[in-house]
Amino acid sequence: MKAVNKRNLTVIALVVFLAVVVIWRNHKPDTVSVFQQQNDAVAGKMIKPGQVAPVSTLQGEGGKSFTIGGSRDKAMLVNFWASWCEPCKLEAPELNALAEKYKDTLDIYGVNVTSHDYKPNAERFIKKFSLTFPVMFDLKGEVFAQYQGVAFPTNVLIDKNGVISEVVLGLLSPEELEEKVMTLLKQ
């Protein structure tokens, strides 16, 4: 068999496998497709600036608990991510830089949405990018659902009073993200 035919068969088998995985993941009654989540967001159900951020507690590496939302001494950036997300990979070094630069005035929390990921891959991601800020695992996707997440990465900027300042879907340039952080810190 020619190499081209083998490659074509391999590609077809991979496409069929991925289609089966997508169908299997979306057949569960508690699973909402990305398209439905986007429709809900368009219908105005997404969290908005000015709303009080939902308060949740998640466990991070080493079993330490972290609380997201609520009043606190510092502003907060909550980064929802997945290890397979290419924009998340591009954003990780910038988040490390922001965490170091603003460590006295800003808490950055990474939340791996493990319900849409594989925890060992997330742990490898943390090591590969040497994440310097606390990272938690949203094993059931409950916190991501509370924040009505629809994309990776999603960054939620929360002021000291626990009020959402801004929700950023997708990747921004390092300059744009830092500008948003500086605006948050001025509030």
Protein backbone atom coordinates (compact mmCIF):
# COMPACT_ATOMS: atom_id res chain seq x y z
CA MET A 1 0.00 0.00 0.00
CA LYS A 2 1.35 3.42 -0.89
CA ALA A 3 2.36 5.81 1.86
CA VAL A 4 -0.24 8.35 0.66
CA ASN A 5 -3.05 5.80 1.05
CA LYS A 6 -1.85 4.87 4.54
CA ARG A 7 -1.77 8.53 5.52
CA ASN A 8 -5.29 9.08 4.12
CA LEU A 9 -6.62 6.07 6.04
CA THR A 10 -4.95 7.32 9.22
CA VAL A 11 -6.51 10.78 8.80
CA ILE A 12 -9.96 9.29 8.16
CA ALA A 13 -9.67 7.02 11.21
CA LEU A 14 -8.65 10.01 13.36
CA VAL A 15 -11.60 12.08 12.10
CA VAL A 16 -14.03 9.23 12.82
CA PHE A 17 -12.56 8.75 16.30
CA LEU A 18 -12.86 12.47 17.11
CA ALA A 19 -16.46 12.51 15.85
CA VAL A 20 -17.32 9.57 18.12
CA VAL A 21 -15.71 11.33 21.11
CA VAL A 22 -17.66 14.54 20.43
CA ILE A 23 -20.95 12.66 20.08
CA TRP A 24 -20.28 10.63 23.22
CA ARG A 25 -19.37 13.75 25.27
CA ASN A 26 -22.47 15.62 24.13
CA HIS A 27 -25.02 12.84 24.63
CA LYS A 28 -25.00 13.12 28.44
CA PRO A 29 -28.03 15.01 29.77
CA ASP A 30 -25.88 17.24 32.02
CA THR A 31 -23.55 18.28 29.19
CA VAL A 32 -24.26 21.52 27.40
CA SER A 33 -22.67 21.99 24.03
CA VAL A 34 -20.39 24.95 23.36
CA PHE A 35 -22.98 26.23 20.89
CA GLN A 36 -25.69 26.25 23.58
CA GLN A 37 -23.34 28.05 25.98
CA GLN A 38 -22.64 30.68 23.33
CA ASN A 39 -26.37 31.09 22.69
CA ASP A 40 -26.95 31.55 26.42
CA ALA A 41 -24.21 34.18 26.56
CA VAL A 42 -25.70 36.00 23.60
CA ALA A 43 -29.09 35.87 25.29
CA GLY A 44 -27.63 37.95 28.14
CA LYS A 45 -27.09 35.19 30.70
CA MET A 46 -23.35 35.70 30.96
CA ILE A 47 -21.88 37.37 34.02
CA LYS A 48 -21.29 41.05 33.50
CA PRO A 49 -19.16 43.83 34.92
CA GLY A 50 -20.79 45.36 37.96
CA GLN A 51 -22.17 42.07 39.25
CA VAL A 52 -20.92 40.52 42.46
CA ALA A 53 -18.60 37.64 41.63
CA PRO A 54 -19.81 34.19 42.71
CA VAL A 55 -17.86 33.00 45.75
CA SER A 56 -16.34 29.52 45.50
CA THR A 57 -13.60 27.54 47.18
CA LEU A 58 -11.39 25.14 45.26
CA GLN A 59 -8.43 22.98 46.17
CA GLY A 60 -5.10 23.66 44.59
CA GLU A 61 -1.98 21.61 44.32
CA GLY A 62 -0.90 20.27 47.68
CA GLY A 63 -4.46 20.34 49.01
CA LYS A 64 -4.51 24.03 49.95
CA SER A 65 -7.92 25.70 49.56
CA PHE A 66 -8.41 29.01 47.78
CA THR A 67 -11.48 31.23 47.71
CA ILE A 68 -12.48 32.98 44.52
CA GLY A 69 -14.68 36.05 44.80
CA GLY A 70 -15.77 37.98 47.88
CA SER A 71 -14.11 40.96 49.54
CA ARG A 72 -10.36 40.74 49.97
CA ASP A 73 -7.21 42.81 50.45
CA LYS A 74 -6.19 42.62 46.78
CA ALA A 75 -7.88 42.72 43.40
CA MET A 76 -8.07 39.36 41.63
CA LEU A 77 -7.64 37.96 38.15
CA VAL A 78 -9.20 34.50 37.74
CA ASN A 79 -7.89 32.66 34.70
CA PHE A 80 -9.98 29.68 33.49
CA TRP A 81 -7.87 27.45 31.24
CA ALA A 82 -7.34 23.97 29.81
CA SER A 83 -4.05 22.26 28.98
CA TRP A 84 -5.01 21.60 25.33
CA CYS A 85 -5.86 25.28 24.72
CA GLU A 86 -3.23 26.89 22.47
CA PRO A 87 -4.10 30.48 23.52
CA CYS A 88 -3.76 29.35 27.16
CA LYS A 89 -0.23 28.20 26.39
CA LEU A 90 0.59 31.56 24.84
CA GLU A 91 -0.89 33.42 27.81
CA ALA A 92 0.83 31.44 30.61
CA PRO A 93 4.19 33.29 30.53
CA GLU A 94 2.39 36.65 30.58
CA LEU A 95 0.31 35.62 33.59
CA ASN A 96 3.53 34.63 35.38
CA ALA A 97 5.00 38.04 34.60
CA LEU A 98 1.87 39.85 35.84
CA ALA A 99 1.79 37.74 39.01
CA GLU A 100 5.36 38.76 39.80
CA LYS A 101 5.01 42.41 38.82
CA TYR A 102 1.77 43.03 40.74
CA LYS A 103 2.22 40.54 43.61
CA ASP A 104 1.55 43.20 46.24
CA THR A 105 -1.75 44.40 44.75
CA LEU A 106 -3.15 41.54 42.63
CA ASP A 107 -3.91 37.87 43.22
CA ILE A 108 -3.87 35.75 40.09
CA TYR A 109 -5.60 32.39 40.41
CA GLY A 110 -5.48 29.83 37.66
CA VAL A 111 -8.46 27.51 37.46
CA ASN A 112 -7.98 24.43 35.33
CA VAL A 113 -11.44 23.40 34.15
CA THR A 114 -10.62 19.76 34.68
CA SER A 115 -14.10 18.66 33.59
CA HIS A 116 -12.99 19.73 30.08
CA ASP A 117 -9.43 18.51 30.49
CA TYR A 118 -7.35 15.63 31.85
CA LYS A 119 -5.76 16.34 35.24
CA PRO A 120 -2.36 14.73 34.47
CA ASN A 121 -2.11 16.93 31.37
CA ALA A 122 -3.00 19.97 33.47
CA GLU A 123 -0.30 19.05 35.99
CA ARG A 124 2.24 18.76 33.15
CA PHE A 125 1.10 22.17 31.86
CA ILE A 126 1.72 23.71 35.30
CA LYS A 127 5.24 22.27 35.41
CA LYS A 128 6.06 23.07 31.78
CA PHE A 129 5.14 26.73 32.16
CA SER A 130 6.43 26.95 35.76
CA LEU A 131 3.25 28.69 36.88
CA THR A 132 4.09 30.87 39.85
CA PHE A 133 0.54 31.69 40.93
CA PRO A 134 -1.91 29.36 42.70
CA VAL A 135 -3.64 26.86 40.41
CA MET A 136 -6.83 25.04 41.34
CA PHE A 137 -8.66 22.15 39.72
CA ASP A 138 -12.35 22.60 38.90
CA LEU A 139 -12.90 18.84 38.72
CA LYS A 140 -16.63 18.98 37.96
CA GLY A 141 -16.68 22.32 36.13
CA GLU A 142 -18.94 23.82 38.79
CA VAL A 143 -17.01 27.06 39.23
CA PHE A 144 -16.65 27.51 35.46
CA ALA A 145 -20.42 27.04 35.25
CA GLN A 146 -21.00 29.61 38.03
CA TYR A 147 -19.03 32.10 35.98
CA GLN A 148 -20.93 30.94 32.88
CA GLY A 149 -17.71 30.23 31.02
CA VAL A 150 -17.89 29.71 27.29
CA ALA A 151 -14.27 29.80 26.10
CA PHE A 152 -10.66 29.17 27.04
CA PRO A 153 -8.98 31.19 28.23
CA THR A 154 -11.48 33.28 30.17
CA ASN A 155 -10.10 35.95 32.49
CA VAL A 156 -12.38 37.45 35.10
CA LEU A 157 -11.11 40.63 36.75
CA ILE A 158 -12.58 41.18 40.22
CA ASP A 159 -12.04 44.24 42.40
CA LYS A 160 -11.27 44.24 46.15
CA ASN A 161 -14.99 44.41 46.95
CA GLY A 162 -15.71 41.19 45.04
CA VAL A 163 -17.36 42.97 42.10
CA ILE A 164 -16.61 41.88 38.54
CA SER A 165 -14.73 44.60 36.72
CA GLU A 166 -14.39 42.83 33.38
CA VAL A 167 -14.70 39.44 31.67
CA VAL A 168 -12.19 38.76 28.90
CA LEU A 169 -12.90 35.86 26.54
CA GLY A 170 -9.93 34.62 24.58
CA LEU A 171 -6.36 35.80 24.26
CA LEU A 172 -5.27 39.43 24.51
CA SER A 173 -1.85 40.82 23.74
CA PRO A 174 0.37 41.15 26.82
CA GLU A 175 0.01 44.94 26.61
CA GLU A 176 -3.79 44.80 26.45
CA LEU A 177 -4.00 42.40 29.39
CA GLU A 178 -1.67 44.53 31.51
CA GLU A 179 -3.69 47.63 30.65
CA LYS A 180 -6.84 45.90 31.91
CA VAL A 181 -5.02 44.89 35.10
CA MET A 182 -3.84 48.47 35.66
CA THR A 183 -7.41 49.73 35.19
CA LEU A 184 -8.62 47.15 37.73
CA LEU A 185 -5.98 48.20 40.25
CA LYS A 186 -7.02 51.86 39.98
CA GLN A 187 -10.58 51.04 41.09
